[in-house]
């Protein structure tokens, strides 16, 4: 017990001696701290910064290191170029597929496609009227047997067909 009290009293004595020293020399310690900070900021930091910059420049221009870095840079650029080429070709294929799908959607479906192949074929049935003149044709002699329109012979139906409007301007006043 005596030993513990002695150890504690020595510890508290050292702390009280430290506070007494700081109390006696506070202005000197404060002045030394301010001067030390000024020297560090004004002289030491710029010197260390310049020294680190020189070391970095020396290491960056080391021919052995530069050659190694250039090889690595070439390898990385080649890999990037291959990845880009692959991505570009994949994107081109996707674009081509999308364009073909869009064209398929825009395409006008023929009647045989819409009805599932149950449409009438031209030339079925009565084929004797295929050489008849324009004036003698009617819907029953169109050559398709059912009296429909034959696109190979546009005068086969009884309709007059499309006539464009006159394009000359009005001459009246």
C-alpha atoms as a PDB file:
ATOM      1  CA  UNK A   1       0.000   0.000   0.000  1.00  0.00           C
ATOM      2  CA  UNK A   2       2.837   2.288   0.838  1.00  0.00           C
ATOM      3  CA  UNK A   3       4.411   1.645  -2.530  1.00  0.00           C
ATOM      4  CA  UNK A   4       1.189   2.567  -4.398  1.00  0.00           C
ATOM      5  CA  UNK A   5       0.875   5.844  -2.462  1.00  0.00           C
ATOM      6  CA  UNK A   6       4.494   6.659  -3.178  1.00  0.00           C
ATOM      7  CA  UNK A   7       4.060   5.979  -6.914  1.00  0.00           C
ATOM      8  CA  UNK A   8       0.912   8.098  -7.067  1.00  0.00           C
ATOM      9  CA  UNK A   9       2.504  10.982  -5.190  1.00  0.00           C
ATOM     10  CA  UNK A  10       5.490  10.893  -7.601  1.00  0.00           C
ATOM     11  CA  UNK A  11       3.118  10.992 -10.599  1.00  0.00           C
ATOM     12  CA  UNK A  12       1.088  13.881  -9.205  1.00  0.00           C
ATOM     13  CA  UNK A  13       4.328  15.660  -8.288  1.00  0.00           C
ATOM     14  CA  UNK A  14       5.592  15.405 -11.870  1.00  0.00           C
ATOM     15  CA  UNK A  15       2.280  16.775 -13.191  1.00  0.00           C
ATOM     16  CA  UNK A  16       2.341  19.709 -10.730  1.00  0.00           C
ATOM     17  CA  UNK A  17       5.996  20.450 -11.639  1.00  0.00           C
ATOM     18  CA  UNK A  18       5.018  20.485 -15.342  1.00  0.00           C
ATOM     19  CA  UNK A  19       2.172  22.940 -14.690  1.00  0.00           C
ATOM     20  CA  UNK A  20       4.532  25.149 -12.627  1.00  0.00           C
ATOM     21  CA  UNK A  21       7.075  25.162 -15.530  1.00  0.00           C
ATOM     22  CA  UNK A  22       4.376  26.060 -18.062  1.00  0.00           C
ATOM     23  CA  UNK A  23       3.081  28.785 -15.719  1.00  0.00           C
ATOM     24  CA  UNK A  24       6.570  30.312 -15.358  1.00  0.00           C
ATOM     25  CA  UNK A  25       7.578  30.067 -19.028  1.00  0.00           C
ATOM     26  CA  UNK A  26       4.232  30.410 -20.875  1.00  0.00           C
ATOM     27  CA  UNK A  27       5.227  33.449 -22.949  1.00  0.00           C
ATOM     28  CA  UNK A  28       8.512  31.856 -23.982  1.00  0.00           C
ATOM     29  CA  UNK A  29       6.743  28.639 -25.048  1.00  0.00           C
ATOM     30  CA  UNK A  30       4.103  30.609 -26.986  1.00  0.00           C
ATOM     31  CA  UNK A  31       6.780  32.698 -28.755  1.00  0.00           C
ATOM     32  CA  UNK A  32       8.771  29.544 -29.672  1.00  0.00           C
ATOM     33  CA  UNK A  33       5.601  27.915 -31.069  1.00  0.00           C
ATOM     34  CA  UNK A  34       4.740  30.972 -33.225  1.00  0.00           C
ATOM     35  CA  UNK A  35       8.322  31.269 -34.545  1.00  0.00           C
ATOM     36  CA  UNK A  36       8.443  27.531 -35.269  1.00  0.00           C
ATOM     37  CA  UNK A  37       5.143  27.717 -37.197  1.00  0.00           C
ATOM     38  CA  UNK A  38       6.373  30.720 -39.232  1.00  0.00           C
ATOM     39  CA  UNK A  39       9.610  28.924 -40.139  1.00  0.00           C
ATOM     40  CA  UNK A  40       7.688  25.799 -41.131  1.00  0.00           C
ATOM     41  CA  UNK A  41       5.210  27.664 -43.344  1.00  0.00           C
ATOM     42  CA  UNK A  42       7.687  30.106 -44.899  1.00  0.00           C
ATOM     43  CA  UNK A  43      10.783  27.961 -45.423  1.00  0.00           C
ATOM     44  CA  UNK A  44      10.340  24.289 -44.646  1.00  0.00           C
ATOM     45  CA  UNK A  45       7.094  23.576 -46.582  1.00  0.00           C
ATOM     46  CA  UNK A  46       8.226  25.259 -49.851  1.00  0.00           C
ATOM     47  CA  UNK A  47      11.592  23.490 -49.658  1.00  0.00           C
ATOM     48  CA  UNK A  48       9.978  20.059 -49.116  1.00  0.00           C
ATOM     49  CA  UNK A  49       7.447  20.705 -51.896  1.00  0.00           C
ATOM     50  CA  UNK A  50      10.191  21.638 -54.378  1.00  0.00           C
ATOM     51  CA  UNK A  51      12.255  18.627 -53.361  1.00  0.00           C
ATOM     52  CA  UNK A  52       9.283  16.252 -53.832  1.00  0.00           C
ATOM     53  CA  UNK A  53       8.548  17.824 -57.229  1.00  0.00           C
ATOM     54  CA  UNK A  54      12.135  17.278 -58.372  1.00  0.00           C
ATOM     55  CA  UNK A  55      12.107  13.666 -57.189  1.00  0.00           C
ATOM     56  CA  UNK A  56       8.806  13.061 -58.945  1.00  0.00           C
ATOM     57  CA  UNK A  57      10.104  14.616 -62.192  1.00  0.00           C
ATOM     58  CA  UNK A  58      13.273  12.555 -62.019  1.00  0.00           C
ATOM     59  CA  UNK A  59      11.275   9.369 -61.524  1.00  0.00           C
ATOM     60  CA  UNK A  60       8.795  10.292 -64.262  1.00  0.00           C
ATOM     61  CA  UNK A  61      11.551  10.871 -66.834  1.00  0.00           C
ATOM     62  CA  UNK A  62      13.507   7.750 -65.963  1.00  0.00           C
ATOM     63  CA  UNK A  63      14.021   6.050 -69.379  1.00  0.00           C
ATOM     64  CA  UNK A  64      13.523   2.516 -68.033  1.00  0.00           C
ATOM     65  CA  UNK A  65      10.255   3.449 -66.325  1.00  0.00           C
ATOM     66  CA  UNK A  66       9.032   5.440 -69.338  1.00  0.00           C
ATOM     67  CA  UNK A  67       9.640   2.479 -71.673  1.00  0.00           C
ATOM     68  CA  UNK A  68       7.698   0.171 -69.377  1.00  0.00           C
ATOM     69  CA  UNK A  69       4.844   2.644 -69.098  1.00  0.00           C
ATOM     70  CA  UNK A  70       4.696   3.131 -72.878  1.00  0.00           C
ATOM     71  CA  UNK A  71       4.427  -0.641 -73.395  1.00  0.00           C
ATOM     72  CA  UNK A  72       1.654  -0.815 -70.834  1.00  0.00           C
ATOM     73  CA  UNK A  73      -0.098   2.153 -72.431  1.00  0.00           C
ATOM     74  CA  UNK A  74       0.054   0.510 -75.881  1.00  0.00           C
ATOM     75  CA  UNK A  75      -1.335  -2.738 -74.471  1.00  0.00           C
ATOM     76  CA  UNK A  76      -4.172  -0.942 -72.686  1.00  0.00           C
ATOM     77  CA  UNK A  77      -5.025   1.124 -75.782  1.00  0.00           C
ATOM     78  CA  UNK A  78      -5.139  -2.002 -77.946  1.00  0.00           C
ATOM     79  CA  UNK A  79      -7.483  -3.667 -75.456  1.00  0.00           C
ATOM     80  CA  UNK A  80      -9.683  -0.573 -75.399  1.00  0.00           C
ATOM     81  CA  UNK A  81      -9.722  -0.456 -79.192  1.00  0.00           C
ATOM     82  CA  UNK A  82     -10.728  -4.134 -79.394  1.00  0.00           C
ATOM     83  CA  UNK A  83     -13.508  -3.590 -76.852  1.00  0.00           C
ATOM     84  CA  UNK A  84     -14.712  -0.550 -78.762  1.00  0.00           C
ATOM     85  CA  UNK A  85     -14.652  -2.422 -82.083  1.00  0.00           C
ATOM     86  CA  UNK A  86     -16.622  -5.303 -80.565  1.00  0.00           C
ATOM     87  CA  UNK A  87     -19.146  -2.928 -79.012  1.00  0.00           C
ATOM     88  CA  UNK A  88     -19.465  -1.016 -82.281  1.00  0.00           C
ATOM     89  CA  UNK A  89     -20.055  -4.162 -84.325  1.00  0.00           C
ATOM     90  CA  UNK A  90     -22.610  -5.402 -81.801  1.00  0.00           C
ATOM     91  CA  UNK A  91     -24.373  -2.040 -81.881  1.00  0.00           C
ATOM     92  CA  UNK A  92     -24.333  -2.081 -85.694  1.00  0.00           C
ATOM     93  CA  UNK A  93     -25.898  -5.555 -85.714  1.00  0.00           C
ATOM     94  CA  UNK A  94     -28.573  -4.464 -83.256  1.00  0.00           C
ATOM     95  CA  UNK A  95     -29.245  -1.350 -85.329  1.00  0.00           C
ATOM     96  CA  UNK A  96     -29.439  -3.421 -88.524  1.00  0.00           C
ATOM     97  CA  UNK A  97     -31.849  -5.862 -86.877  1.00  0.00           C
ATOM     98  CA  UNK A  98     -33.964  -3.020 -85.518  1.00  0.00           C
ATOM     99  CA  UNK A  99     -34.013  -1.353 -88.937  1.00  0.00           C
ATOM    100  CA  UNK A 100     -35.072  -4.580 -90.671  1.00  0.00           C
ATOM    101  CA  UNK A 101     -37.836  -5.110 -88.091  1.00  0.00           C
ATOM    102  CA  UNK A 102     -38.984  -1.535 -88.637  1.00  0.00           C
ATOM    103  CA  UNK A 103     -38.977  -2.029 -92.406  1.00  0.00           C
ATOM    104  CA  UNK A 104     -40.977  -5.251 -91.951  1.00  0.00           C
ATOM    105  CA  UNK A 105     -43.541  -3.363 -89.879  1.00  0.00           C
ATOM    106  CA  UNK A 106     -43.778  -0.610 -92.489  1.00  0.00           C
ATOM    107  CA  UNK A 107     -44.098  -3.044 -95.363  1.00  0.00           C
ATOM    108  CA  UNK A 108     -47.588  -3.348 -96.819  1.00  0.00           C
ATOM    109  CA  UNK A 109     -48.802  -6.891 -96.430  1.00  0.00           C
ATOM    110  CA  UNK A 110     -50.230  -8.618 -99.454  1.00  0.00           C
ATOM    111  CA  UNK A 111     -53.760 -10.044 -99.206  1.00  0.00           C
ATOM    112  CA  UNK A 112     -52.450 -13.604 -99.310  1.00  0.00           C
ATOM    113  CA  UNK A 113     -50.277 -12.894 -96.225  1.00  0.00           C
ATOM    114  CA  UNK A 114     -53.083 -11.252 -94.286  1.00  0.00           C
ATOM    115  CA  UNK A 115     -55.615 -14.052 -94.920  1.00  0.00           C
ATOM    116  CA  UNK A 116     -53.128 -16.819 -94.336  1.00  0.00           C
ATOM    117  CA  UNK A 117     -52.774 -17.892 -97.976  1.00  0.00           C
ATOM    118  CA  UNK A 118     -56.496 -18.250 -98.772  1.00  0.00           C
ATOM    119  CA  UNK A 119     -56.566 -15.555-101.448  1.00  0.00           C
ATOM    120  CA  UNK A 120     -57.556 -16.042-105.082  1.00  0.00           C
ATOM    121  CA  UNK A 121     -54.844 -16.516-107.619  1.00  0.00           C
ATOM    122  CA  UNK A 122     -54.920 -14.766-110.947  1.00  0.00           C
ATOM    123  CA  UNK A 123     -55.633 -16.918-113.970  1.00  0.00           C
ATOM    124  CA  UNK A 124     -57.644 -19.558-112.115  1.00  0.00           C
ATOM    125  CA  UNK A 125     -60.785 -20.758-113.821  1.00  0.00           C
ATOM    126  CA  UNK A 126     -61.796 -19.125-117.103  1.00  0.00           C
ATOM    127  CA  UNK A 127     -58.624 -18.110-118.983  1.00  0.00           C
ATOM    128  CA  UNK A 128     -60.230 -17.447-122.400  1.00  0.00           C
ATOM    129  CA  UNK A 129     -60.833 -13.743-121.778  1.00  0.00           C
ATOM    130  CA  UNK A 130     -57.206 -12.827-121.129  1.00  0.00           C
ATOM    131  CA  UNK A 131     -56.780 -11.562-124.698  1.00  0.00           C
ATOM    132  CA  UNK A 132     -60.051  -9.692-125.061  1.00  0.00           C
ATOM    133  CA  UNK A 133     -60.073  -6.002-125.864  1.00  0.00           C
ATOM    134  CA  UNK A 134     -60.674  -3.159-123.410  1.00  0.00           C
ATOM    135  CA  UNK A 135     -64.155  -2.320-124.564  1.00  0.00           C
ATOM    136  CA  UNK A 136     -65.490  -5.872-124.343  1.00  0.00           C
ATOM    137  CA  UNK A 137     -64.318  -6.648-120.794  1.00  0.00           C
ATOM    138  CA  UNK A 138     -66.632  -6.727-117.832  1.00  0.00           C
ATOM    139  CA  UNK A 139     -66.321  -8.111-114.306  1.00  0.00           C
ATOM    140  CA  UNK A 140     -67.496 -11.587-115.292  1.00  0.00           C
ATOM    141  CA  UNK A 141     -64.879 -12.004-118.004  1.00  0.00           C
ATOM    142  CA  UNK A 142     -61.867 -10.872-116.008  1.00  0.00           C
ATOM    143  CA  UNK A 143     -60.226 -14.271-116.139  1.00  0.00           C
ATOM    144  CA  UNK A 144     -60.305 -14.925-112.426  1.00  0.00           C
ATOM    145  CA  UNK A 145     -63.613 -16.776-112.502  1.00  0.00           C
ATOM    146  CA  UNK A 146     -65.133 -14.676-109.726  1.00  0.00           C
ATOM    147  CA  UNK A 147     -65.230 -11.369-111.534  1.00  0.00           C
ATOM    148  CA  UNK A 148     -62.612  -9.471-109.533  1.00  0.00           C
ATOM    149  CA  UNK A 149     -59.915  -7.020-110.484  1.00  0.00           C
ATOM    150  CA  UNK A 150     -56.928  -8.378-112.358  1.00  0.00           C
ATOM    151  CA  UNK A 151     -53.849  -6.194-111.812  1.00  0.00           C
ATOM    152  CA  UNK A 152     -52.273  -7.600-114.956  1.00  0.00           C
ATOM    153  CA  UNK A 153     -55.266  -6.313-116.929  1.00  0.00           C
ATOM    154  CA  UNK A 154     -56.451  -3.076-115.285  1.00  0.00           C
ATOM    155  CA  UNK A 155     -59.444  -2.698-117.699  1.00  0.00           C
ATOM    156  CA  UNK A 156     -60.933  -5.974-116.513  1.00  0.00           C
ATOM    157  CA  UNK A 157     -63.216  -4.374-113.933  1.00  0.00           C
ATOM    158  CA  UNK A 158     -66.166  -2.117-114.623  1.00  0.00           C
ATOM    159  CA  UNK A 159     -64.688   0.816-112.691  1.00  0.00           C
ATOM    160  CA  UNK A 160     -63.171   3.682-114.580  1.00  0.00           C
ATOM    161  CA  UNK A 161     -60.082   3.823-112.381  1.00  0.00           C
ATOM    162  CA  UNK A 162     -58.105   6.797-111.182  1.00  0.00           C
ATOM    163  CA  UNK A 163     -58.065  10.020-113.168  1.00  0.00           C
ATOM    164  CA  UNK A 164     -55.814  12.817-111.955  1.00  0.00           C
ATOM    165  CA  UNK A 165     -57.245  16.313-111.590  1.00  0.00           C
ATOM    166  CA  UNK A 166     -56.546  18.899-114.241  1.00  0.00           C
ATOM    167  CA  UNK A 167     -53.491  20.891-113.355  1.00  0.00           C
ATOM    168  CA  UNK A 168     -53.943  24.040-115.419  1.00  0.00           C
ATOM    169  CA  UNK A 169     -54.844  27.179-113.404  1.00  0.00           C
ATOM    170  CA  UNK A 170     -58.109  29.006-113.630  1.00  0.00           C
ATOM    171  CA  UNK A 171     -58.014  31.596-116.375  1.00  0.00           C
ATOM    172  CA  UNK A 172     -60.969  33.601-115.162  1.00  0.00           C
ATOM    173  CA  UNK A 173     -60.757  36.918-113.450  1.00  0.00           C
END
